[in-house]
PDB file of N, CA and C in Angstrom:
ATOM      1  N   MET A   1       0.836  -1.183   0.000  1.00  0.00           N
ATOM      2  CA  MET A   1       0.000   0.000   0.000  1.00  0.00           C
ATOM      3  C   MET A   1       0.885   1.253   0.000  1.00  0.00           C
ATOM      4  N   LYS A   2       0.579   2.176  -0.853  1.00  0.00           N
ATOM      5  CA  LYS A   2       1.356   3.408  -0.976  1.00  0.00           C
ATOM      6  C   LYS A   2       0.973   4.388   0.128  1.00  0.00           C
ATOM      7  N   THR A   3       1.986   5.011   0.743  1.00  0.00           N
ATOM      8  CA  THR A   3       1.753   6.010   1.787  1.00  0.00           C
ATOM      9  C   THR A   3       1.499   7.360   1.143  1.00  0.00           C
ATOM     10  N   THR A   4       0.466   8.041   1.599  1.00  0.00           N
ATOM     11  CA  THR A   4       0.138   9.368   1.091  1.00  0.00           C
ATOM     12  C   THR A   4       0.402  10.394   2.183  1.00  0.00           C
ATOM     13  N   TYR A   5       1.109  11.451   1.847  1.00  0.00           N
ATOM     14  CA  TYR A   5       1.396  12.524   2.793  1.00  0.00           C
ATOM     15  C   TYR A   5       0.593  13.748   2.418  1.00  0.00           C
ATOM     16  N   LEU A   6       0.051  14.399   3.412  1.00  0.00           N
ATOM     17  CA  LEU A   6      -0.719  15.611   3.179  1.00  0.00           C
ATOM     18  C   LEU A   6       0.235  16.795   3.165  1.00  0.00           C
ATOM     19  N   ILE A   7       0.378  17.402   2.015  1.00  0.00           N
ATOM     20  CA  ILE A   7       1.282  18.538   1.858  1.00  0.00           C
ATOM     21  C   ILE A   7       0.487  19.699   1.286  1.00  0.00           C
ATOM     22  N   ILE A   8       0.623  20.850   1.912  1.00  0.00           N
ATOM     23  CA  ILE A   8      -0.068  22.050   1.447  1.00  0.00           C
ATOM     24  C   ILE A   8       0.986  23.079   1.068  1.00  0.00           C
ATOM     25  N   GLY A   9       0.856  23.632  -0.109  1.00  0.00           N
ATOM     26  CA  GLY A   9       1.788  24.672  -0.536  1.00  0.00           C
ATOM     27  C   GLY A   9       3.227  24.193  -0.642  1.00  0.00           C
ATOM     28  N   GLY A  10       3.417  22.897  -0.882  1.00  0.00           N
ATOM     29  CA  GLY A  10       4.762  22.378  -1.076  1.00  0.00           C
ATOM     30  C   GLY A  10       5.566  22.182   0.190  1.00  0.00           C
ATOM     31  N   LYS A  11       4.914  22.201   1.351  1.00  0.00           N
ATOM     32  CA  LYS A  11       5.666  22.001   2.589  1.00  0.00           C
ATOM     33  C   LYS A  11       4.961  20.989   3.478  1.00  0.00           C
ATOM     34  N   GLU A  12       5.743  20.404   4.361  1.00  0.00           N
ATOM     35  CA  GLU A  12       5.213  19.460   5.330  1.00  0.00           C
ATOM     36  C   GLU A  12       4.312  20.201   6.319  1.00  0.00           C
ATOM     37  N   LEU A  13       3.229  19.558   6.723  1.00  0.00           N
ATOM     38  CA  LEU A  13       2.317  20.193   7.678  1.00  0.00           C
ATOM     39  C   LEU A  13       2.899  20.242   9.078  1.00  0.00           C
ATOM     40  N   ASN A  14       2.610  21.332   9.778  1.00  0.00           N
ATOM     41  CA  ASN A  14       2.926  21.467  11.199  1.00  0.00           C
ATOM     42  C   ASN A  14       1.673  21.066  11.969  1.00  0.00           C
ATOM     43  N   VAL A  15       1.778  19.990  12.752  1.00  0.00           N
ATOM     44  CA  VAL A  15       0.628  19.442  13.460  1.00  0.00           C
ATOM     45  C   VAL A  15       0.801  19.639  14.962  1.00  0.00           C
ATOM     46  N   GLY A  16      -0.150  20.322  15.579  1.00  0.00           N
ATOM     47  CA  GLY A  16      -0.155  20.478  17.023  1.00  0.00           C
ATOM     48  C   GLY A  16      -0.992  19.377  17.642  1.00  0.00           C
ATOM     49  N   VAL A  17      -0.425  18.674  18.619  1.00  0.00           N
ATOM     50  CA  VAL A  17      -1.156  17.640  19.333  1.00  0.00           C
ATOM     51  C   VAL A  17      -1.384  18.153  20.755  1.00  0.00           C
ATOM     52  N   PHE A  18      -2.647  18.416  21.083  1.00  0.00           N
ATOM     53  CA  PHE A  18      -3.024  18.993  22.382  1.00  0.00           C
ATOM     54  C   PHE A  18      -3.581  17.896  23.282  1.00  0.00           C
ATOM     55  N   PHE A  19      -3.116  17.859  24.546  1.00  0.00           N
ATOM     56  CA  PHE A  19      -3.540  16.788  25.444  1.00  0.00           C
ATOM     57  C   PHE A  19      -3.301  17.167  26.902  1.00  0.00           C
ATOM     58  N   GLY A  20      -3.837  16.353  27.801  1.00  0.00           N
ATOM     59  CA  GLY A  20      -3.683  16.584  29.242  1.00  0.00           C
ATOM     60  C   GLY A  20      -4.964  17.159  29.816  1.00  0.00           C
ATOM     61  N   GLY A  21      -4.831  18.193  30.630  1.00  0.00           N
ATOM     62  CA  GLY A  21      -5.982  18.890  31.191  1.00  0.00           C
ATOM     63  C   GLY A  21      -6.365  18.450  32.588  1.00  0.00           C
ATOM     64  N   LYS A  22      -7.431  19.070  33.098  1.00  0.00           N
ATOM     65  CA  LYS A  22      -7.875  18.860  34.470  1.00  0.00           C
ATOM     66  C   LYS A  22      -8.817  17.675  34.634  1.00  0.00           C
ATOM     67  N   SER A  23      -9.199  17.038  33.569  1.00  0.00           N
ATOM     68  CA  SER A  23     -10.148  15.934  33.605  1.00  0.00           C
ATOM     69  C   SER A  23      -9.608  14.771  34.433  1.00  0.00           C
ATOM     70  N   CYS A  24     -10.513  13.968  34.961  1.00  0.00           N
ATOM     71  CA  CYS A  24     -10.103  12.757  35.682  1.00  0.00           C
ATOM     72  C   CYS A  24      -9.477  11.745  34.718  1.00  0.00           C
ATOM     73  N   GLU A  25      -9.610  11.978  33.422  1.00  0.00           N
ATOM     74  CA  GLU A  25      -9.026  11.097  32.413  1.00  0.00           C
ATOM     75  C   GLU A  25      -7.746  11.681  31.821  1.00  0.00           C
ATOM     76  N   HIS A  26      -7.069  12.495  32.618  1.00  0.00           N
ATOM     77  CA  HIS A  26      -5.825  13.160  32.227  1.00  0.00           C
ATOM     78  C   HIS A  26      -4.797  12.164  31.669  1.00  0.00           C
ATOM     79  N   GLU A  27      -4.547  11.106  32.408  1.00  0.00           N
ATOM     80  CA  GLU A  27      -3.525  10.141  32.015  1.00  0.00           C
ATOM     81  C   GLU A  27      -3.888   9.418  30.721  1.00  0.00           C
ATOM     82  N   ILE A  28      -5.163   9.167  30.509  1.00  0.00           N
ATOM     83  CA  ILE A  28      -5.607   8.534  29.264  1.00  0.00           C
ATOM     84  C   ILE A  28      -5.343   9.467  28.087  1.00  0.00           C
ATOM     85  N   SER A  29      -5.554  10.755  28.302  1.00  0.00           N
ATOM     86  CA  SER A  29      -5.274  11.752  27.278  1.00  0.00           C
ATOM     87  C   SER A  29      -3.788  11.740  26.908  1.00  0.00           C
ATOM     88  N   VAL A  30      -2.925  11.623  27.913  1.00  0.00           N
ATOM     89  CA  VAL A  30      -1.477  11.583  27.673  1.00  0.00           C
ATOM     90  C   VAL A  30      -1.121  10.359  26.827  1.00  0.00           C
ATOM     91  N   ILE A  31      -1.656   9.206  27.188  1.00  0.00           N
ATOM     92  CA  ILE A  31      -1.366   7.978  26.443  1.00  0.00           C
ATOM     93  C   ILE A  31      -1.873   8.080  25.005  1.00  0.00           C
ATOM     94  N   THR A  32      -3.072   8.628  24.831  1.00  0.00           N
ATOM     95  CA  THR A  32      -3.622   8.811  23.481  1.00  0.00           C
ATOM     96  C   THR A  32      -2.705   9.703  22.645  1.00  0.00           C
ATOM     97  N   ALA A  33      -2.282  10.814  23.229  1.00  0.00           N
ATOM     98  CA  ALA A  33      -1.414  11.756  22.506  1.00  0.00           C
ATOM     99  C   ALA A  33      -0.087  11.110  22.130  1.00  0.00           C
ATOM    100  N   LEU A  34       0.495  10.338  23.027  1.00  0.00           N
ATOM    101  CA  LEU A  34       1.757   9.669  22.716  1.00  0.00           C
ATOM    102  C   LEU A  34       1.596   8.713  21.539  1.00  0.00           C
ATOM    103  N   GLN A  35       0.472   8.006  21.495  1.00  0.00           N
ATOM    104  CA  GLN A  35       0.209   7.103  20.375  1.00  0.00           C
ATOM    105  C   GLN A  35       0.003   7.878  19.075  1.00  0.00           C
ATOM    106  N   VAL A  36      -0.737   8.969  19.132  1.00  0.00           N
ATOM    107  CA  VAL A  36      -0.975   9.803  17.946  1.00  0.00           C
ATOM    108  C   VAL A  36       0.342  10.381  17.439  1.00  0.00           C
ATOM    109  N   MET A  37       1.155  10.915  18.354  1.00  0.00           N
ATOM    110  CA  MET A  37       2.429  11.516  17.949  1.00  0.00           C
ATOM    111  C   MET A  37       3.367  10.485  17.339  1.00  0.00           C
ATOM    112  N   GLU A  38       3.355   9.276  17.851  1.00  0.00           N
ATOM    113  CA  GLU A  38       4.194   8.206  17.295  1.00  0.00           C
ATOM    114  C   GLU A  38       3.841   7.948  15.832  1.00  0.00           C
ATOM    115  N   GLU A  39       2.564   7.982  15.526  1.00  0.00           N
ATOM    116  CA  GLU A  39       2.115   7.760  14.148  1.00  0.00           C
ATOM    117  C   GLU A  39       2.422   8.953  13.236  1.00  0.00           C
ATOM    118  N   LEU A  40       2.362  10.150  13.776  1.00  0.00           N
ATOM    119  CA  LEU A  40       2.514  11.356  12.952  1.00  0.00           C
ATOM    120  C   LEU A  40       3.959  11.783  12.722  1.00  0.00           C
ATOM    121  N   LYS A  41       4.859  11.458  13.648  1.00  0.00           N
ATOM    122  CA  LYS A  41       6.200  12.058  13.619  1.00  0.00           C
ATOM    123  C   LYS A  41       7.034  11.718  12.386  1.00  0.00           C
ATOM    124  N   SER A  42       6.745  10.614  11.727  1.00  0.00           N
ATOM    125  CA  SER A  42       7.533  10.284  10.537  1.00  0.00           C
ATOM    126  C   SER A  42       7.037  11.021   9.295  1.00  0.00           C
ATOM    127  N   LYS A  43       5.842  11.607   9.380  1.00  0.00           N
ATOM    128  CA  LYS A  43       5.246  12.254   8.218  1.00  0.00           C
ATOM    129  C   LYS A  43       5.134  13.766   8.349  1.00  0.00           C
ATOM    130  N   TYR A  44       5.043  14.253   9.576  1.00  0.00           N
ATOM    131  CA  TYR A  44       4.770  15.672   9.807  1.00  0.00           C
ATOM    132  C   TYR A  44       5.678  16.248  10.889  1.00  0.00           C
ATOM    133  N   GLN A  45       5.742  17.563  10.936  1.00  0.00           N
ATOM    134  CA  GLN A  45       6.415  18.251  12.033  1.00  0.00           C
ATOM    135  C   GLN A  45       5.407  18.326  13.173  1.00  0.00           C
ATOM    136  N   VAL A  46       5.677  17.640  14.283  1.00  0.00           N
ATOM    137  CA  VAL A  46       4.723  17.537  15.384  1.00  0.00           C
ATOM    138  C   VAL A  46       5.124  18.474  16.528  1.00  0.00           C
ATOM    139  N   PHE A  47       4.134  19.220  17.019  1.00  0.00           N
ATOM    140  CA  PHE A  47       4.313  20.114  18.161  1.00  0.00           C
ATOM    141  C   PHE A  47       3.442  19.601  19.309  1.00  0.00           C
ATOM    142  N   PRO A  48       4.033  18.914  20.311  1.00  0.00           N
ATOM    143  CA  PRO A  48       3.238  18.416  21.433  1.00  0.00           C
ATOM    144  C   PRO A  48       2.932  19.545  22.415  1.00  0.00           C
ATOM    145  N   VAL A  49       1.648  19.805  22.642  1.00  0.00           N
ATOM    146  CA  VAL A  49       1.241  20.868  23.565  1.00  0.00           C
ATOM    147  C   VAL A  49       0.463  20.230  24.711  1.00  0.00           C
ATOM    148  N   TYR A  50       1.064  20.267  25.882  1.00  0.00           N
ATOM    149  CA  TYR A  50       0.514  19.640  27.078  1.00  0.00           C
ATOM    150  C   TYR A  50      -0.237  20.677  27.903  1.00  0.00           C
ATOM    151  N   LEU A  51      -1.458  20.347  28.303  1.00  0.00           N
ATOM    152  CA  LEU A  51      -2.245  21.198  29.200  1.00  0.00           C
ATOM    153  C   LEU A  51      -2.150  20.579  30.587  1.00  0.00           C
ATOM    154  N   SER A  52      -1.457  21.268  31.488  1.00  0.00           N
ATOM    155  CA  SER A  52      -1.244  20.722  32.831  1.00  0.00           C
ATOM    156  C   SER A  52      -2.546  20.714  33.625  1.00  0.00           C
ATOM    157  N   LYS A  53      -2.517  20.029  34.752  1.00  0.00           N
ATOM    158  CA  LYS A  53      -3.686  20.007  35.626  1.00  0.00           C
ATOM    159  C   LYS A  53      -3.933  21.375  36.259  1.00  0.00           C
ATOM    160  N   MET A  54      -2.957  22.266  36.140  1.00  0.00           N
ATOM    161  CA  MET A  54      -3.085  23.649  36.623  1.00  0.00           C
ATOM    162  C   MET A  54      -3.521  24.590  35.501  1.00  0.00           C
ATOM    163  N   ASN A  55      -3.934  24.034  34.363  1.00  0.00           N
ATOM    164  CA  ASN A  55      -4.389  24.787  33.183  1.00  0.00           C
ATOM    165  C   ASN A  55      -3.296  25.642  32.543  1.00  0.00           C
ATOM    166  N   GLU A  56      -2.083  25.140  32.524  1.00  0.00           N
ATOM    167  CA  GLU A  56      -0.986  25.814  31.843  1.00  0.00           C
ATOM    168  C   GLU A  56      -0.647  25.038  30.576  1.00  0.00           C
ATOM    169  N   PHE A  57      -0.598  25.736  29.456  1.00  0.00           N
ATOM    170  CA  PHE A  57      -0.195  25.106  28.200  1.00  0.00           C
ATOM    171  C   PHE A  57       1.326  25.098  28.131  1.00  0.00           C
ATOM    172  N   ILE A  58       1.895  23.939  27.817  1.00  0.00           N
ATOM    173  CA  ILE A  58       3.346  23.805  27.747  1.00  0.00           C
ATOM    174  C   ILE A  58       3.711  23.145  26.426  1.00  0.00           C
ATOM    175  N   LEU A  59       4.532  23.836  25.639  1.00  0.00           N
ATOM    176  CA  LEU A  59       5.057  23.256  24.406  1.00  0.00           C
ATOM    177  C   LEU A  59       6.220  22.366  24.816  1.00  0.00           C
ATOM    178  N   LEU A  60       6.065  21.068  24.640  1.00  0.00           N
ATOM    179  CA  LEU A  60       7.054  20.113  25.130  1.00  0.00           C
ATOM    180  C   LEU A  60       8.264  20.015  24.233  1.00  0.00           C
ATOM    181  N   GLU A  61       9.350  19.589  24.840  1.00  0.00           N
ATOM    182  CA  GLU A  61      10.587  19.370  24.108  1.00  0.00           C
ATOM    183  C   GLU A  61      10.479  18.103  23.269  1.00  0.00           C
ATOM    184  N   ASP A  62      11.444  17.894  22.411  1.00  0.00           N
ATOM    185  CA  ASP A  62      11.472  16.688  21.583  1.00  0.00           C
ATOM    186  C   ASP A  62      11.606  15.441  22.446  1.00  0.00           C
ATOM    187  N   ASN A  63      11.354  14.304  21.839  1.00  0.00           N
ATOM    188  CA  ASN A  63      11.489  12.999  22.495  1.00  0.00           C
ATOM    189  C   ASN A  63      10.577  12.841  23.703  1.00  0.00           C
ATOM    190  N   VAL A  64       9.326  13.207  23.545  1.00  0.00           N
ATOM    191  CA  VAL A  64       8.336  13.048  24.599  1.00  0.00           C
ATOM    192  C   VAL A  64       8.032  11.561  24.751  1.00  0.00           C
ATOM    193  N   ASN A  65       8.026  11.085  25.990  1.00  0.00           N
ATOM    194  CA  ASN A  65       7.624   9.704  26.242  1.00  0.00           C
ATOM    195  C   ASN A  65       6.898   9.629  27.580  1.00  0.00           C
ATOM    196  N   ILE A  66       6.358   8.482  27.874  1.00  0.00           N
ATOM    197  CA  ILE A  66       5.518   8.328  29.061  1.00  0.00           C
ATOM    198  C   ILE A  66       6.290   8.611  30.346  1.00  0.00           C
ATOM    199  N   ASN A  67       7.597   8.467  30.342  1.00  0.00           N
ATOM    200  CA  ASN A  67       8.404   8.714  31.532  1.00  0.00           C
ATOM    201  C   ASN A  67       8.545  10.197  31.853  1.00  0.00           C
ATOM    202  N   CYS A  68       8.136  11.072  30.932  1.00  0.00           N
ATOM    203  CA  CYS A  68       8.226  12.523  31.142  1.00  0.00           C
ATOM    204  C   CYS A  68       7.184  13.040  32.133  1.00  0.00           C
ATOM    205  N   PHE A  69       6.128  12.289  32.348  1.00  0.00           N
ATOM    206  CA  PHE A  69       4.996  12.792  33.114  1.00  0.00           C
ATOM    207  C   PHE A  69       5.056  12.289  34.535  1.00  0.00           C
ATOM    208  N   PRO A  70       4.707  13.084  35.548  1.00  0.00           N
ATOM    209  CA  PRO A  70       4.121  14.414  35.433  1.00  0.00           C
ATOM    210  C   PRO A  70       5.137  15.546  35.392  1.00  0.00           C
ATOM    211  N   ASP A  71       6.450  15.255  35.420  1.00  0.00           N
ATOM    212  CA  ASP A  71       7.473  16.297  35.447  1.00  0.00           C
ATOM    213  C   ASP A  71       7.900  16.685  34.051  1.00  0.00           C
ATOM    214  N   VAL A  72       7.018  17.364  33.326  1.00  0.00           N
ATOM    215  CA  VAL A  72       7.315  17.725  31.941  1.00  0.00           C
ATOM    216  C   VAL A  72       8.218  18.941  31.883  1.00  0.00           C
ATOM    217  N   LYS A  73       8.988  19.005  30.810  1.00  0.00           N
ATOM    218  CA  LYS A  73       9.852  20.148  30.571  1.00  0.00           C
ATOM    219  C   LYS A  73       9.499  20.729  29.219  1.00  0.00           C
ATOM    220  N   GLY A  74       9.449  22.031  29.166  1.00  0.00           N
ATOM    221  CA  GLY A  74       9.139  22.672  27.899  1.00  0.00           C
ATOM    222  C   GLY A  74       8.965  24.164  28.092  1.00  0.00           C
ATOM    223  N   LYS A  75       8.423  24.786  27.086  1.00  0.00           N
ATOM    224  CA  LYS A  75       8.222  26.235  27.081  1.00  0.00           C
ATOM    225  C   LYS A  75       6.772  26.527  27.413  1.00  0.00           C
ATOM    226  N   LYS A  76       6.541  27.249  28.511  1.00  0.00           N
ATOM    227  CA  LYS A  76       5.180  27.600  28.890  1.00  0.00           C
ATOM    228  C   LYS A  76       4.615  28.586  27.868  1.00  0.00           C
ATOM    229  N   LEU A  77       3.406  28.307  27.425  1.00  0.00           N
ATOM    230  CA  LEU A  77       2.747  29.174  26.455  1.00  0.00           C
ATOM    231  C   LEU A  77       1.772  30.082  27.188  1.00  0.00           C
ATOM    232  N   ILE A  78       1.737  31.338  26.817  1.00  0.00           N
ATOM    233  CA  ILE A  78       0.873  32.307  27.489  1.00  0.00           C
ATOM    234  C   ILE A  78      -0.249  32.716  26.550  1.00  0.00           C
ATOM    235  N   PHE A  79      -1.480  32.572  27.033  1.00  0.00           N
ATOM    236  CA  PHE A  79      -2.655  32.935  26.248  1.00  0.00           C
ATOM    237  C   PHE A  79      -3.532  33.889  27.068  1.00  0.00           C
ATOM    238  N   SER A  80      -2.997  35.019  27.486  1.00  0.00           N
ATOM    239  CA  SER A  80      -3.816  35.928  28.299  1.00  0.00           C
ATOM    240  C   SER A  80      -3.411  37.376  28.089  1.00  0.00           C
ATOM    241  N   LYS A  81      -4.370  38.252  28.283  1.00  0.00           N
ATOM    242  CA  LYS A  81      -4.161  39.703  28.229  1.00  0.00           C
ATOM    243  C   LYS A  81      -3.361  40.147  27.013  1.00  0.00           C
ATOM    244  N   GLY A  82      -3.745  39.648  25.858  1.00  0.00           N
ATOM    245  CA  GLY A  82      -3.114  40.098  24.626  1.00  0.00           C
ATOM    246  C   GLY A  82      -1.779  39.460  24.319  1.00  0.00           C
ATOM    247  N   LYS A  83      -1.216  38.691  25.267  1.00  0.00           N
ATOM    248  CA  LYS A  83       0.059  38.023  25.031  1.00  0.00           C
ATOM    249  C   LYS A  83      -0.217  36.624  24.509  1.00  0.00           C
ATOM    250  N   ILE A  84       0.269  36.343  23.332  1.00  0.00           N
ATOM    251  CA  ILE A  84       0.089  35.011  22.771  1.00  0.00           C
ATOM    252  C   ILE A  84       1.422  34.554  22.186  1.00  0.00           C
ATOM    253  N   ASN A  85       1.924  33.437  22.687  1.00  0.00           N
ATOM    254  CA  ASN A  85       3.088  32.818  22.068  1.00  0.00           C
ATOM    255  C   ASN A  85       2.578  31.987  20.904  1.00  0.00           C
ATOM    256  N   LYS A  86       3.014  32.304  19.710  1.00  0.00           N
ATOM    257  CA  LYS A  86       2.480  31.646  18.524  1.00  0.00           C
ATOM    258  C   LYS A  86       3.283  30.403  18.156  1.00  0.00           C
ATOM    259  N   ILE A  87       2.543  29.398  17.701  1.00  0.00           N
ATOM    260  CA  ILE A  87       3.141  28.191  17.150  1.00  0.00           C
ATOM    261  C   ILE A  87       2.631  28.116  15.714  1.00  0.00           C
ATOM    262  N   PRO A  88       3.512  27.897  14.745  1.00  0.00           N
ATOM    263  CA  PRO A  88       3.087  27.888  13.330  1.00  0.00           C
ATOM    264  C   PRO A  88       2.366  26.593  12.950  1.00  0.00           C
ATOM    265  N   LEU A  89       1.121  26.434  13.405  1.00  0.00           N
ATOM    266  CA  LEU A  89       0.388  25.198  13.162  1.00  0.00           C
ATOM    267  C   LEU A  89      -0.493  25.286  11.924  1.00  0.00           C
ATOM    268  N   ASP A  90      -0.565  24.184  11.208  1.00  0.00           N
ATOM    269  CA  ASP A  90      -1.504  24.041  10.098  1.00  0.00           C
ATOM    270  C   ASP A  90      -2.734  23.262  10.537  1.00  0.00           C
ATOM    271  N   VAL A  91      -2.529  22.327  11.470  1.00  0.00           N
ATOM    272  CA  VAL A  91      -3.587  21.443  11.938  1.00  0.00           C
ATOM    273  C   VAL A  91      -3.420  21.212  13.436  1.00  0.00           C
ATOM    274  N   ALA A  92      -4.547  21.098  14.153  1.00  0.00           N
ATOM    275  CA  ALA A  92      -4.512  20.756  15.578  1.00  0.00           C
ATOM    276  C   ALA A  92      -5.269  19.452  15.789  1.00  0.00           C
ATOM    277  N   VAL A  93      -4.651  18.538  16.527  1.00  0.00           N
ATOM    278  CA  VAL A  93      -5.295  17.278  16.899  1.00  0.00           C
ATOM    279  C   VAL A  93      -5.540  17.347  18.404  1.00  0.00           C
ATOM    280  N   LEU A  94      -6.812  17.264  18.801  1.00  0.00           N
ATOM    281  CA  LEU A  94      -7.171  17.338  20.220  1.00  0.00           C
ATOM    282  C   LEU A  94      -7.294  15.931  20.774  1.00  0.00           C
ATOM    283  N   CYS A  95      -6.485  15.613  21.766  1.00  0.00           N
ATOM    284  CA  CYS A  95      -6.482  14.285  22.374  1.00  0.00           C
ATOM    285  C   CYS A  95      -7.007  14.339  23.806  1.00  0.00           C
ATOM    286  N   PHE A  96      -7.872  15.292  24.091  1.00  0.00           N
ATOM    287  CA  PHE A  96      -8.428  15.409  25.434  1.00  0.00           C
ATOM    288  C   PHE A  96      -9.491  14.338  25.653  1.00  0.00           C
ATOM    289  N   HIS A  97      -9.630  13.909  26.901  1.00  0.00           N
ATOM    290  CA  HIS A  97     -10.663  12.951  27.289  1.00  0.00           C
ATOM    291  C   HIS A  97     -11.423  13.530  28.481  1.00  0.00           C
ATOM    292  N   GLY A  98     -12.657  13.102  28.645  1.00  0.00           N
ATOM    293  CA  GLY A  98     -13.450  13.543  29.795  1.00  0.00           C
ATOM    294  C   GLY A  98     -14.069  14.903  29.554  1.00  0.00           C
ATOM    295  N   ASN A  99     -14.532  15.519  30.631  1.00  0.00           N
ATOM    296  CA  ASN A  99     -15.194  16.817  30.563  1.00  0.00           C
ATOM    297  C   ASN A  99     -14.144  17.923  30.523  1.00  0.00           C
ATOM    298  N   MET A 100     -13.904  18.459  29.342  1.00  0.00           N
ATOM    299  CA  MET A 100     -12.854  19.462  29.158  1.00  0.00           C
ATOM    300  C   MET A 100     -13.403  20.836  28.822  1.00  0.00           C
ATOM    301  N   GLU A 101     -14.661  21.101  29.099  1.00  0.00           N
ATOM    302  CA  GLU A 101     -15.277  22.368  28.687  1.00  0.00           C
ATOM    303  C   GLU A 101     -14.471  23.584  29.124  1.00  0.00           C
ATOM    304  N   LYS A 102     -14.122  23.677  30.391  1.00  0.00           N
ATOM    305  CA  LYS A 102     -13.416  24.863  30.889  1.00  0.00           C
ATOM    306  C   LYS A 102     -11.988  24.933  30.366  1.00  0.00           C
ATOM    307  N   SER A 103     -11.324  23.810  30.234  1.00  0.00           N
ATOM    308  CA  SER A 103      -9.922  23.804  29.809  1.00  0.00           C
ATOM    309  C   SER A 103      -9.755  24.136  28.345  1.00  0.00           C
ATOM    310  N   VAL A 104     -10.696  23.748  27.507  1.00  0.00           N
ATOM    311  CA  VAL A 104     -10.547  23.899  26.068  1.00  0.00           C
ATOM    312  C   VAL A 104     -11.101  25.217  25.544  1.00  0.00           C
ATOM    313  N   GLU A 105     -11.780  25.964  26.376  1.00  0.00           N
ATOM    314  CA  GLU A 105     -12.378  27.223  25.921  1.00  0.00           C
ATOM    315  C   GLU A 105     -11.355  28.130  25.266  1.00  0.00           C
ATOM    316  N   CYS A 106     -10.150  28.200  25.801  1.00  0.00           N
ATOM    317  CA  CYS A 106      -9.160  29.114  25.241  1.00  0.00           C
ATOM    318  C   CYS A 106      -8.627  28.623  23.898  1.00  0.00           C
ATOM    319  N   LEU A 107      -8.827  27.364  23.536  1.00  0.00           N
ATOM    320  CA  LEU A 107      -8.388  26.889  22.233  1.00  0.00           C
ATOM    321  C   LEU A 107      -9.256  27.392  21.102  1.00  0.00           C
ATOM    322  N   VAL A 108     -10.500  27.737  21.410  1.00  0.00           N
ATOM    323  CA  VAL A 108     -11.420  28.170  20.362  1.00  0.00           C
ATOM    324  C   VAL A 108     -11.590  29.680  20.326  1.00  0.00           C
ATOM    325  N   CYS A 109     -10.843  30.394  21.125  1.00  0.00           N
ATOM    326  CA  CYS A 109     -10.948  31.869  21.146  1.00  0.00           C
ATOM    327  C   CYS A 109     -10.342  32.463  19.897  1.00  0.00           C
TER     328      CYS A 109
END
């Protein structure tokens, strides 16, 4: 079977994978995201964005694995009072589980 890559404008897509959060299914979200990122990393530029249980978005460093949690390292992203750290994303994959209404509101702003 031939592999097809989604390319827009002649470049590889930048894919943001968002996961974590305050839900009781936090750990399931982490496992889902790790599986998704494993599948995507050979085809796309993947940006893992972790939402901590304290509602902080963190752009994780390379080589994310299950042993990184809960002590993640990365660049904290700020989404408040006009300050936005931008990530050049073409696509976002949401790997949240459970009731994420309050945590995900800022993703759709």
